[in-house]
C-alpha atoms as a PDB file:
ATOM      1  CA  UNK A   1      72.399 129.742  13.282  1.00  0.00           C
ATOM      2  CA  UNK A   2      71.593 130.672  16.901  1.00  0.00           C
ATOM      3  CA  UNK A   3      70.931 134.874  15.785  1.00  0.00           C
ATOM      4  CA  UNK A   4      68.528 133.550  12.318  1.00  0.00           C
ATOM      5  CA  UNK A   5      66.091 131.290  14.860  1.00  0.00           C
ATOM      6  CA  UNK A   6      65.645 133.780  17.526  1.00  0.00           C
ATOM      7  CA  UNK A   7      64.997 136.404  15.634  1.00  0.00           C
ATOM      8  CA  UNK A   8      62.307 133.947  14.655  1.00  0.00           C
ATOM      9  CA  UNK A   9      60.060 134.278  17.212  1.00  0.00           C
ATOM     10  CA  UNK A  10      58.513 137.204  16.037  1.00  0.00           C
ATOM     11  CA  UNK A  11      57.972 136.812  12.320  1.00  0.00           C
ATOM     12  CA  UNK A  12      56.069 139.994  12.038  1.00  0.00           C
ATOM     13  CA  UNK A  13      58.516 141.919  13.740  1.00  0.00           C
ATOM     14  CA  UNK A  14      60.999 144.197  11.388  1.00  0.00           C
ATOM     15  CA  UNK A  15      64.358 144.858  13.502  1.00  0.00           C
ATOM     16  CA  UNK A  16      63.291 148.256  14.095  1.00  0.00           C
ATOM     17  CA  UNK A  17      67.311 150.337  15.237  1.00  0.00           C
ATOM     18  CA  UNK A  18      68.207 150.118  18.151  1.00  0.00           C
ATOM     19  CA  UNK A  19      69.449 152.447  20.941  1.00  0.00           C
ATOM     20  CA  UNK A  20      72.848 152.895  21.035  1.00  0.00           C
ATOM     21  CA  UNK A  21      74.327 151.180  24.371  1.00  0.00           C
ATOM     22  CA  UNK A  22      76.439 152.000  26.563  1.00  0.00           C
ATOM     23  CA  UNK A  23      79.878 150.468  26.256  1.00  0.00           C
ATOM     24  CA  UNK A  24      78.674 148.488  30.079  1.00  0.00           C
ATOM     25  CA  UNK A  25      75.867 147.231  28.320  1.00  0.00           C
ATOM     26  CA  UNK A  26      77.968 146.030  25.549  1.00  0.00           C
ATOM     27  CA  UNK A  27      80.460 144.916  27.567  1.00  0.00           C
ATOM     28  CA  UNK A  28      78.077 143.230  29.922  1.00  0.00           C
ATOM     29  CA  UNK A  29      76.245 141.237  26.593  1.00  0.00           C
ATOM     30  CA  UNK A  30      79.384 140.137  25.160  1.00  0.00           C
ATOM     31  CA  UNK A  31      81.150 138.415  28.767  1.00  0.00           C
ATOM     32  CA  UNK A  32      77.489 136.485  28.986  1.00  0.00           C
ATOM     33  CA  UNK A  33      77.096 135.839  25.255  1.00  0.00           C
ATOM     34  CA  UNK A  34      80.685 133.319  26.424  1.00  0.00           C
ATOM     35  CA  UNK A  35      79.105 132.303  28.383  1.00  0.00           C
ATOM     36  CA  UNK A  36      80.312 133.584  32.260  1.00  0.00           C
ATOM     37  CA  UNK A  37      77.817 133.679  34.293  1.00  0.00           C
ATOM     38  CA  UNK A  38      76.230 136.788  35.804  1.00  0.00           C
ATOM     39  CA  UNK A  39      78.453 136.987  38.270  1.00  0.00           C
ATOM     40  CA  UNK A  40      81.369 136.211  36.042  1.00  0.00           C
ATOM     41  CA  UNK A  41      80.434 138.572  34.355  1.00  0.00           C
ATOM     42  CA  UNK A  42      79.557 141.378  37.863  1.00  0.00           C
ATOM     43  CA  UNK A  43      83.664 139.909  38.799  1.00  0.00           C
ATOM     44  CA  UNK A  44      85.095 140.575  35.483  1.00  0.00           C
ATOM     45  CA  UNK A  45      84.858 144.074  35.089  1.00  0.00           C
ATOM     46  CA  UNK A  46      84.738 145.352  38.394  1.00  0.00           C
ATOM     47  CA  UNK A  47      81.037 145.328  39.846  1.00  0.00           C
ATOM     48  CA  UNK A  48      78.002 143.958  41.776  1.00  0.00           C
ATOM     49  CA  UNK A  49      75.908 141.388  40.414  1.00  0.00           C
ATOM     50  CA  UNK A  50      73.117 143.646  41.070  1.00  0.00           C
ATOM     51  CA  UNK A  51      74.787 146.788  38.865  1.00  0.00           C
ATOM     52  CA  UNK A  52      75.044 143.740  35.954  1.00  0.00           C
ATOM     53  CA  UNK A  53      71.755 143.628  35.892  1.00  0.00           C
ATOM     54  CA  UNK A  54      70.546 147.137  35.142  1.00  0.00           C
ATOM     55  CA  UNK A  55      73.044 147.097  32.736  1.00  0.00           C
ATOM     56  CA  UNK A  56      72.001 143.802  31.339  1.00  0.00           C
ATOM     57  CA  UNK A  57      68.286 145.193  32.248  1.00  0.00           C
ATOM     58  CA  UNK A  58      68.883 148.653  30.119  1.00  0.00           C
ATOM     59  CA  UNK A  59      70.263 146.906  27.120  1.00  0.00           C
ATOM     60  CA  UNK A  60      67.472 144.352  27.055  1.00  0.00           C
ATOM     61  CA  UNK A  61      64.818 147.366  27.214  1.00  0.00           C
ATOM     62  CA  UNK A  62      66.992 149.439  24.336  1.00  0.00           C
ATOM     63  CA  UNK A  63      66.935 146.014  22.063  1.00  0.00           C
ATOM     64  CA  UNK A  64      63.244 145.680  22.325  1.00  0.00           C
ATOM     65  CA  UNK A  65      63.617 142.617  23.448  1.00  0.00           C
ATOM     66  CA  UNK A  66      62.220 139.775  25.887  1.00  0.00           C
ATOM     67  CA  UNK A  67      64.927 138.199  27.508  1.00  0.00           C
ATOM     68  CA  UNK A  68      68.942 138.712  28.523  1.00  0.00           C
ATOM     69  CA  UNK A  69      69.012 135.799  25.596  1.00  0.00           C
ATOM     70  CA  UNK A  70      67.179 137.534  22.885  1.00  0.00           C
ATOM     71  CA  UNK A  71      68.768 141.203  24.362  1.00  0.00           C
ATOM     72  CA  UNK A  72      72.649 138.612  22.970  1.00  0.00           C
ATOM     73  CA  UNK A  73      70.948 137.710  20.343  1.00  0.00           C
ATOM     74  CA  UNK A  74      69.378 140.906  19.315  1.00  0.00           C
ATOM     75  CA  UNK A  75      72.424 142.432  19.821  1.00  0.00           C
ATOM     76  CA  UNK A  76      74.977 139.949  17.842  1.00  0.00           C
ATOM     77  CA  UNK A  77      72.125 140.664  14.341  1.00  0.00           C
ATOM     78  CA  UNK A  78      72.750 143.897  14.918  1.00  0.00           C
ATOM     79  CA  UNK A  79      76.638 144.105  14.784  1.00  0.00           C
ATOM     80  CA  UNK A  80      76.723 145.665  18.068  1.00  0.00           C
ATOM     81  CA  UNK A  81      78.689 142.451  19.145  1.00  0.00           C
ATOM     82  CA  UNK A  82      81.662 140.513  17.429  1.00  0.00           C
ATOM     83  CA  UNK A  83      83.776 138.492  18.344  1.00  0.00           C
END
């Protein structure tokens, strides 16, 4: 499973409780997890691509992720994104 593989990147790191993600951060990661490009996600949310990147970076920081894909995997594995 993709989530399991992504979390195996840091096998010695135990899952830490994540800070709460805002609604917009969650929406950003959800759209990106569905395969939307940044431009498509920003357009869907009615915001600029720059603002979308700020939400993604904030979520990444809160989740302790090294990049956006890692943030999406962490959010899914912690039940913050559900399909």
